Amino acid sequence: MTSTPARDTGTAPSVGTSGPPVREDVPAEFDALAALRRAGLPVDILSDAQRDVLAGLSPSETDVIGSVKRRLDAAEPEVVGHDLKVL
């Protein structure tokens, strides 16, 4: 018996107050917040609700965010003032 891969419906799963939603396309051992921290995103300054949304991202979604952050960082001048950057 073969399983059918999860289909992306284009809509994000709803987020409750008890943590990130469970998605079939995200391996149980994957830690999206840790991956985003390694990519340099300051996830710890976000609200609990925002972290819950990010915690539910798939590996490919976190890869996209990391890629965008690297491109934004590369476009910055060497010295930047005291701006707060989330990405």
Protein backbone atom coordinates (compact mmCIF):
# COMPACT_ATOMS: atom_id res chain seq x y z
CA MET A 1 0.00 0.00 0.00
CA THR A 2 1.42 3.40 -0.98
CA SER A 3 0.60 6.64 0.71
CA THR A 4 -0.34 9.79 -1.12
CA PRO A 5 1.80 12.84 -0.26
CA ALA A 6 0.07 15.71 1.52
CA ARG A 7 -1.40 18.20 -0.90
CA ASP A 8 -0.69 21.90 -0.37
CA THR A 9 -4.00 23.69 -0.50
CA GLY A 10 -2.38 27.11 -0.50
CA THR A 11 -3.89 28.01 2.86
CA ALA A 12 -2.11 28.01 6.16
CA PRO A 13 -3.45 25.73 8.87
CA SER A 14 -5.35 27.47 11.62
CA VAL A 15 -3.35 28.33 14.69
CA GLY A 16 -4.76 27.66 18.14
CA THR A 17 -3.55 28.71 21.53
CA SER A 18 -2.06 25.32 22.38
CA GLY A 19 0.99 25.53 20.12
CA PRO A 20 1.69 25.10 16.44
CA PRO A 21 -0.73 23.17 14.28
CA VAL A 22 0.19 19.63 13.33
CA ARG A 23 0.85 19.29 9.60
CA GLU A 24 1.25 16.01 7.81
CA ASP A 25 3.99 17.43 5.54
CA VAL A 26 6.28 18.37 8.47
CA PRO A 27 8.45 15.65 10.01
CA ALA A 28 7.80 15.28 13.75
CA GLU A 29 11.50 15.77 14.53
CA PHE A 30 11.76 19.04 12.54
CA ASP A 31 12.16 22.18 14.69
CA ALA A 32 11.28 25.17 12.52
CA LEU A 33 12.16 27.71 15.22
CA ALA A 34 15.63 26.22 15.66
CA ALA A 35 16.16 26.29 11.89
CA LEU A 36 15.09 29.94 11.74
CA ARG A 37 17.38 30.82 14.67
CA ARG A 38 20.30 29.15 12.85
CA ALA A 39 19.43 31.27 9.81
CA GLY A 40 19.79 34.37 11.99
CA LEU A 41 16.17 35.32 12.46
CA PRO A 42 15.38 36.83 15.87
CA VAL A 43 12.38 34.59 16.55
CA ASP A 44 12.67 35.01 20.31
CA ILE A 45 11.58 38.66 20.17
CA LEU A 46 8.31 37.76 18.45
CA SER A 47 5.01 37.24 20.21
CA ASP A 48 3.92 33.75 21.23
CA ALA A 49 1.29 33.77 18.46
CA GLN A 50 3.88 34.71 15.84
CA ARG A 51 6.28 32.00 17.08
CA ASP A 52 3.41 29.48 16.95
CA VAL A 53 2.89 30.30 13.27
CA LEU A 54 6.61 29.98 12.50
CA ALA A 55 6.87 26.75 14.52
CA GLY A 56 4.38 25.16 12.13
CA LEU A 57 6.44 25.84 9.00
CA SER A 58 7.74 22.99 6.89
CA PRO A 59 11.45 22.52 6.14
CA SER A 60 10.99 23.97 2.65
CA GLU A 61 9.14 27.00 4.04
CA THR A 62 11.94 27.71 6.50
CA ASP A 63 14.46 27.31 3.66
CA VAL A 64 12.63 30.02 1.70
CA ILE A 65 12.64 32.40 4.66
CA GLY A 66 16.35 31.75 5.23
CA SER A 67 17.08 32.36 1.57
CA VAL A 68 15.19 35.65 1.59
CA LYS A 69 17.03 36.73 4.76
CA ARG A 70 20.41 35.96 3.18
CA ARG A 71 19.50 38.02 0.11
CA LEU A 72 18.27 40.92 2.24
CA ASP A 73 21.46 40.79 4.31
CA ALA A 74 23.58 40.79 1.14
CA ALA A 75 21.76 43.89 -0.10
CA GLU A 76 22.50 45.86 3.10
CA PRO A 77 25.41 48.24 3.36
CA GLU A 78 28.27 47.16 5.63
CA VAL A 79 27.30 49.52 8.45
CA VAL A 80 23.65 49.92 9.37
CA GLY A 81 22.26 52.06 12.17
CA HIS A 82 20.28 50.66 15.05
CA ASP A 83 17.35 49.46 12.95
CA LEU A 84 15.33 46.55 14.25
CA LYS A 85 15.25 43.92 11.51
CA VAL A 86 12.93 40.94 11.76
CA LEU A 87 14.06 39.37 8.49
